[in-house]
Amino acid sequence: MKNTIIVVLGAIIAALVIFMVMQGSFDTFTANNEKSKTDTKSQTTTTTDMTDDEMTDEQMDNEDTLPTETKIGTSVEGNDIMAYHYGTGEKELVLVGGVHGAYAGNTTLLMNEMRTYFAADGRLPADIRLTIIPALNPDGIEAVYGSPELSESVTLKENNATVAGRFNANKVDLNRNFDCDWKATGVWRNQTVSGGSSAFSEPESQAIRDYVMAHKPAAVVVWFSAEGKVYPSACSGAPSTVSTKLASTFAEAADYPVESSFDAYVVNGDMVNWLAKENIPAISVLLTDYETTELSQNLDGVKAVISTYLE
């Protein structure tokens, strides 16, 4: 009996010792685990809250130049109208091509070349955001080339073969569909063209209108073909001082002549002139012909606008 009691007491003491050891190990594990969580949380917060001063040059460059894209609208035929963004600054410069679809296909090719340049090499000032809209009229491009997009390897057709691609799928000249001296019919050279049923009747012009009104860019440059000149915007009056300065800045760097107004024929419902009505500085750049993009010249013009006009 005495031996039995001794054995039982020994077992109880051993159990207590084991329990205390295990409890100590558990407390140690819990403390270490909580410390690990705290350390991880601290590291995450440090990364998230990293300031510009703490970021490396490479991180800042990647953050500022990484392109993003926005679908700003859809064409009559359901093709996406895309905008591509570079930089994160508050001053936005918008570049637009392809208003006249396939007829000015080199303006879309130029925008695609600029996209390639700014995605790879174009470092922008911290306060600048660059937006490129390569093709406002994708249906006009698709009507001639079979695709709403133009690659840099495409061979452009002779311009007389692309006249049908100047208009959208509703046969409206988009550069007669904006709310500046709008009329239902307009003039292009010696022929009558449709300005649409009303100003902004077309989904393509609505897309750029809505984007501009939402973002209020600091300046807009729109490309057409073909004359080799730069025009400041104006609606029912002389060009504004800011648009004149914008035109001069771009033209001098790009080596194009500047004209104060386009007077070959009356243009009603012009996109760039509507921008003037909205007090947004804008210019029309007319490439020299219908085939070449004159990339170097136009890059020089864009860079001058960024570094001089938007400083």
Protein backbone atom coordinates (compact mmCIF):
# COMPACT_ATOMS: atom_id res chain seq x y z
CA MET A 1 0.00 0.00 0.00
CA LYS A 2 2.78 2.42 0.95
CA ASN A 3 4.61 1.62 -2.25
CA THR A 4 1.46 2.31 -4.27
CA ILE A 5 1.04 5.75 -2.68
CA ILE A 6 4.66 6.60 -3.45
CA VAL A 7 4.20 5.58 -7.10
CA VAL A 8 1.04 7.69 -7.45
CA LEU A 9 2.71 10.75 -5.87
CA GLY A 10 5.67 10.31 -8.20
CA ALA A 11 3.40 10.20 -11.24
CA ILE A 12 1.58 13.38 -10.13
CA ILE A 13 4.86 15.24 -9.57
CA ALA A 14 6.15 14.12 -13.00
CA ALA A 15 2.92 15.25 -14.66
CA LEU A 16 3.20 18.67 -13.00
CA VAL A 17 6.80 19.05 -14.16
CA ILE A 18 5.88 18.13 -17.75
CA PHE A 19 2.90 20.55 -17.70
CA MET A 20 5.05 23.44 -16.44
CA VAL A 21 7.71 22.76 -19.11
CA MET A 22 5.09 22.61 -21.85
CA GLN A 23 3.36 25.77 -20.60
CA GLY A 24 6.66 27.63 -20.65
CA SER A 25 7.32 26.45 -24.21
CA PHE A 26 3.83 27.53 -25.27
CA ASP A 27 4.27 30.98 -23.72
CA THR A 28 7.61 31.34 -25.45
CA PHE A 29 6.08 30.27 -28.83
CA THR A 30 3.17 32.67 -28.37
CA ALA A 31 5.47 35.56 -27.54
CA ASN A 32 7.74 34.78 -30.47
CA ASN A 33 4.78 34.42 -32.81
CA GLU A 34 3.34 37.77 -31.74
CA LYS A 35 6.76 39.37 -32.17
CA SER A 36 6.99 37.87 -35.68
CA LYS A 37 3.59 39.32 -36.59
CA THR A 38 4.61 42.70 -35.23
CA ASP A 39 7.87 42.64 -37.18
CA THR A 40 6.07 41.66 -40.39
CA LYS A 41 3.48 44.37 -39.91
CA SER A 42 6.21 46.89 -39.26
CA GLN A 43 8.02 45.90 -42.45
CA THR A 44 4.81 46.11 -44.50
CA THR A 45 4.00 49.56 -43.14
CA THR A 46 7.49 50.78 -43.94
CA THR A 47 7.17 49.63 -47.54
CA THR A 48 3.70 51.08 -47.98
CA ASP A 49 4.57 54.40 -46.41
CA MET A 50 7.88 54.82 -48.23
CA THR A 51 8.40 58.43 -49.19
CA ASP A 52 9.90 59.74 -52.45
CA ASP A 53 13.12 60.52 -50.56
CA GLU A 54 13.40 56.88 -49.46
CA MET A 55 12.64 55.39 -52.91
CA THR A 56 15.46 54.59 -55.28
CA ASP A 57 15.79 56.44 -58.57
CA GLU A 58 14.91 53.24 -60.40
CA GLN A 59 11.71 52.79 -58.37
CA MET A 60 10.66 56.39 -59.02
CA ASP A 61 11.41 56.12 -62.73
CA ASN A 62 9.38 52.92 -63.01
CA GLU A 63 6.49 54.42 -61.07
CA ASP A 64 6.42 57.60 -63.15
CA THR A 65 6.76 56.07 -66.62
CA LEU A 66 4.82 52.84 -66.31
CA PRO A 67 2.04 53.20 -68.91
CA THR A 68 -1.59 52.62 -68.09
CA GLU A 69 -4.55 52.63 -70.43
CA THR A 70 -8.16 53.75 -70.38
CA LYS A 71 -11.07 52.91 -72.63
CA ILE A 72 -12.65 56.33 -73.12
CA GLY A 73 -15.48 55.23 -75.38
CA THR A 74 -16.74 52.98 -78.14
CA SER A 75 -17.18 53.71 -81.85
CA VAL A 76 -20.35 53.25 -83.89
CA GLU A 77 -19.16 49.74 -84.83
CA GLY A 78 -18.23 48.88 -81.25
CA ASN A 79 -14.47 49.36 -81.50
CA ASP A 80 -12.72 50.57 -78.36
CA ILE A 81 -11.34 54.11 -78.30
CA MET A 82 -8.25 53.90 -76.12
CA ALA A 83 -6.13 56.41 -74.22
CA TYR A 84 -2.63 55.53 -73.02
CA HIS A 85 -1.13 57.38 -70.04
CA TYR A 86 2.48 58.09 -69.07
CA GLY A 87 3.57 59.86 -65.90
CA THR A 88 1.52 60.76 -62.85
CA GLY A 89 1.66 64.55 -62.70
CA GLU A 90 -1.20 67.00 -62.33
CA LYS A 91 -0.58 68.82 -65.64
CA GLU A 92 -1.98 66.68 -68.43
CA LEU A 93 -0.95 67.01 -72.08
CA VAL A 94 -3.27 65.12 -74.45
CA LEU A 95 -2.14 64.01 -77.92
CA VAL A 96 -4.79 62.88 -80.42
CA GLY A 97 -4.48 61.14 -83.77
CA GLY A 98 -6.76 59.38 -86.21
CA VAL A 99 -9.64 61.87 -86.15
CA HIS A 100 -9.96 61.25 -89.89
CA GLY A 101 -9.38 57.53 -89.63
CA ALA A 102 -7.64 55.85 -92.56
CA TYR A 103 -7.47 59.06 -94.59
CA ALA A 104 -4.92 60.40 -92.09
CA GLY A 105 -3.54 57.03 -91.09
CA ASN A 106 -0.07 58.46 -90.61
CA THR A 107 -1.35 60.45 -87.62
CA THR A 108 -2.31 57.18 -85.90
CA LEU A 109 1.05 55.66 -86.80
CA LEU A 110 2.73 58.73 -85.33
CA MET A 111 0.82 58.33 -82.07
CA ASN A 112 1.83 54.66 -81.89
CA GLU A 113 5.46 55.61 -82.44
CA MET A 114 5.17 58.14 -79.63
CA ARG A 115 3.69 55.47 -77.39
CA THR A 116 6.69 53.27 -78.08
CA TYR A 117 9.07 56.13 -77.37
CA PHE A 118 7.54 57.27 -74.09
CA ALA A 119 7.08 53.71 -72.83
CA ALA A 120 10.77 52.97 -73.39
CA ASP A 121 12.77 56.17 -73.09
CA GLY A 122 10.56 59.15 -72.42
CA ARG A 123 11.18 60.35 -68.89
CA LEU A 124 8.65 62.98 -67.91
CA PRO A 125 8.86 65.73 -65.30
CA ALA A 126 7.20 64.82 -62.02
CA ASP A 127 4.31 67.24 -62.57
CA ILE A 128 3.40 65.98 -66.08
CA ARG A 129 0.94 63.33 -67.23
CA LEU A 130 0.99 62.52 -70.95
CA THR A 131 -2.07 60.94 -72.56
CA ILE A 132 -1.99 59.56 -76.11
CA ILE A 133 -5.19 58.72 -78.02
CA PRO A 134 -3.96 57.06 -81.24
CA ALA A 135 -7.24 56.62 -83.12
CA LEU A 136 -10.37 58.62 -82.42
CA ASN A 137 -11.99 57.09 -85.50
CA PRO A 138 -11.16 53.35 -85.44
CA ASP A 139 -14.08 52.51 -87.74
CA GLY A 140 -12.59 54.65 -90.51
CA ILE A 141 -9.32 52.77 -90.16
CA GLU A 142 -11.07 49.40 -90.15
CA ALA A 143 -13.09 50.28 -93.27
CA VAL A 144 -9.89 50.58 -95.32
CA TYR A 145 -7.35 48.34 -93.56
CA GLY A 146 -9.59 45.59 -92.18
CA SER A 147 -8.57 46.26 -88.58
CA PRO A 148 -9.31 49.18 -86.23
CA GLU A 149 -5.63 49.28 -85.27
CA LEU A 150 -2.62 50.26 -87.37
CA SER A 151 0.70 48.62 -86.63
CA GLU A 152 3.98 50.37 -87.32
CA SER A 153 4.69 47.81 -90.06
CA VAL A 154 1.61 48.64 -92.16
CA THR A 155 2.06 50.12 -95.62
CA LEU A 156 -0.31 53.05 -95.98
CA LYS A 157 -2.43 53.16 -99.10
CA GLU A 158 -2.45 56.08 -101.51
CA ASN A 159 -4.63 58.79 -99.97
CA ASN A 160 -7.27 58.78 -102.72
CA ALA A 161 -7.93 55.13 -101.85
CA THR A 162 -8.65 56.05 -98.23
CA VAL A 163 -11.26 58.81 -98.65
CA ALA A 164 -14.10 56.54 -97.45
CA GLY A 165 -12.09 55.94 -94.28
CA ARG A 166 -12.11 59.65 -93.44
CA PHE A 167 -15.61 59.32 -91.97
CA ASN A 168 -17.05 57.22 -89.17
CA ALA A 169 -19.48 54.35 -89.78
CA ASN A 170 -22.38 56.86 -89.88
CA LYS A 171 -20.54 58.69 -92.70
CA VAL A 172 -20.01 61.72 -90.45
CA ASP A 173 -16.83 63.77 -90.59
CA LEU A 174 -15.89 63.78 -86.92
CA ASN A 175 -14.05 67.08 -87.30
CA ARG A 176 -17.38 68.69 -88.21
CA ASN A 177 -19.26 67.24 -85.21
CA PHE A 178 -18.04 69.45 -82.34
CA ASP A 179 -19.80 72.34 -80.67
CA CYS A 180 -18.09 75.31 -82.27
CA ASP A 181 -20.06 76.94 -85.11
CA TRP A 182 -21.62 73.52 -85.72
CA LYS A 183 -23.79 72.86 -88.78
CA ALA A 184 -25.47 69.72 -90.04
CA THR A 185 -23.47 69.93 -93.25
CA GLY A 186 -19.93 71.11 -93.61
CA VAL A 187 -17.31 71.61 -96.27
CA TRP A 188 -14.23 69.56 -97.03
CA ARG A 189 -12.28 71.00 -99.92
CA ASN A 190 -14.93 71.36 -102.64
CA GLN A 191 -17.46 68.85 -101.35
CA THR A 192 -20.19 68.76 -98.76
CA VAL A 193 -19.77 66.44 -95.78
CA SER A 194 -22.02 65.49 -92.89
CA GLY A 195 -21.56 67.19 -89.53
CA GLY A 196 -23.98 64.75 -87.88
CA SER A 197 -27.53 65.25 -86.66
CA SER A 198 -26.33 67.58 -83.89
CA ALA A 199 -23.10 68.62 -82.20
CA PHE A 200 -21.66 65.56 -80.46
CA SER A 201 -24.18 63.23 -82.11
CA GLU A 202 -21.42 60.68 -82.71
CA PRO A 203 -20.07 58.33 -80.02
CA GLU A 204 -16.47 59.09 -81.01
CA SER A 205 -16.79 62.85 -80.47
CA GLN A 206 -18.72 62.17 -77.26
CA ALA A 207 -15.82 60.04 -76.02
CA ILE A 208 -13.20 62.77 -76.39
CA ARG A 209 -15.61 65.42 -75.11
CA ASP A 210 -16.34 63.43 -71.95
CA TYR A 211 -12.66 62.73 -71.35
CA VAL A 212 -11.67 66.36 -71.78
CA MET A 213 -14.46 67.68 -69.60
CA ALA A 214 -13.63 65.19 -66.84
CA HIS A 215 -9.86 65.77 -66.86
CA LYS A 216 -9.48 69.39 -67.98
CA PRO A 217 -6.06 68.94 -69.62
CA ALA A 218 -3.52 71.77 -69.57
CA ALA A 219 -3.10 71.49 -73.35
CA VAL A 220 -4.21 69.35 -76.31
CA VAL A 221 -2.40 68.67 -79.59
CA VAL A 222 -4.39 67.12 -82.46
CA TRP A 223 -2.81 65.81 -85.68
CA PHE A 224 -4.28 65.87 -89.19
CA SER A 225 -2.97 65.41 -92.74
CA ALA A 226 -1.63 67.09 -94.74
CA GLU A 227 -0.13 70.57 -95.12
CA GLY A 228 2.92 70.83 -92.91
CA LYS A 229 1.66 73.66 -90.69
CA VAL A 230 0.51 74.39 -87.15
CA TYR A 231 -2.67 76.29 -86.26
CA PRO A 232 -3.77 77.64 -82.87
CA SER A 233 -7.39 77.05 -81.86
CA ALA A 234 -10.10 79.70 -82.01
CA CYS A 235 -13.90 79.68 -81.81
CA SER A 236 -15.76 82.70 -83.19
CA GLY A 237 -12.84 85.04 -82.83
CA ALA A 238 -9.08 85.36 -82.83
CA PRO A 239 -6.91 82.64 -81.25
CA SER A 240 -6.30 83.07 -77.54
CA THR A 241 -2.91 84.16 -76.28
CA VAL A 242 -2.32 80.78 -74.64
CA SER A 243 -3.15 78.82 -77.80
CA THR A 244 -0.96 81.12 -79.86
CA LYS A 245 1.91 80.54 -77.46
CA LEU A 246 1.28 76.78 -77.58
CA ALA A 247 1.36 76.82 -81.39
CA SER A 248 4.57 78.87 -81.48
CA THR A 249 6.30 76.65 -78.92
CA PHE A 250 5.46 73.46 -80.80
CA ALA A 251 6.11 74.83 -84.29
CA GLU A 252 9.48 76.36 -83.51
CA ALA A 253 10.80 73.11 -82.05
CA ALA A 254 9.24 70.94 -84.77
CA ASP A 255 10.32 73.26 -87.59
CA TYR A 256 6.81 73.82 -88.97
CA PRO A 257 5.43 77.22 -89.99
CA VAL A 258 2.59 78.68 -87.92
CA GLU A 259 -0.56 80.16 -89.44
CA SER A 260 -2.95 82.23 -87.34
CA SER A 261 -6.01 80.68 -88.97
CA PHE A 262 -7.05 78.13 -91.58
CA ASP A 263 -8.70 79.98 -94.45
CA ALA A 264 -8.74 77.53 -97.36
CA TYR A 265 -12.43 76.93 -96.65
CA VAL A 266 -14.82 77.33 -93.71
CA VAL A 267 -14.64 74.56 -91.12
CA ASN A 268 -17.70 74.24 -88.88
CA GLY A 269 -17.77 71.95 -85.85
CA ASP A 270 -13.98 71.70 -85.59
CA MET A 271 -12.64 69.72 -82.62
CA VAL A 272 -9.68 71.96 -81.83
CA ASN A 273 -11.79 75.10 -82.08
CA TRP A 274 -14.31 73.57 -79.66
CA LEU A 275 -11.46 73.15 -77.19
CA ALA A 276 -10.85 76.91 -77.48
CA LYS A 277 -14.52 77.47 -76.65
CA GLU A 278 -13.93 75.44 -73.48
CA ASN A 279 -10.86 77.57 -72.64
CA ILE A 280 -8.49 74.64 -73.11
CA PRO A 281 -5.34 75.57 -75.07
CA ALA A 282 -5.13 73.46 -78.21
CA ILE A 283 -3.47 73.33 -81.61
CA SER A 284 -3.88 71.50 -84.91
CA VAL A 285 -0.71 70.01 -86.38
CA LEU A 286 -1.00 69.10 -90.06
CA LEU A 287 1.66 66.63 -91.17
CA THR A 288 3.39 67.40 -94.45
CA ASP A 289 1.98 64.46 -96.43
CA TYR A 290 -0.21 61.37 -96.04
CA GLU A 291 2.53 58.78 -95.71
CA THR A 292 5.32 59.85 -93.35
CA THR A 293 4.99 60.42 -89.61
CA GLU A 294 7.83 62.94 -89.15
CA LEU A 295 8.41 61.41 -85.73
CA SER A 296 11.61 63.28 -84.89
CA GLN A 297 10.08 66.68 -85.65
CA ASN A 298 6.93 66.00 -83.70
CA LEU A 299 8.76 64.52 -80.73
CA ASP A 300 10.78 67.73 -80.60
CA GLY A 301 7.54 69.68 -80.61
CA VAL A 302 5.99 67.63 -77.82
CA LYS A 303 9.12 67.85 -75.70
CA ALA A 304 9.20 71.62 -76.15
CA VAL A 305 5.59 71.89 -75.03
CA ILE A 306 6.37 69.81 -71.94
CA SER A 307 9.56 71.61 -71.01
CA THR A 308 8.62 75.16 -72.01
CA TYR A 309 4.89 75.71 -72.37
CA LEU A 310 3.88 73.58 -69.37
CA GLU A 311 6.75 74.60 -67.09
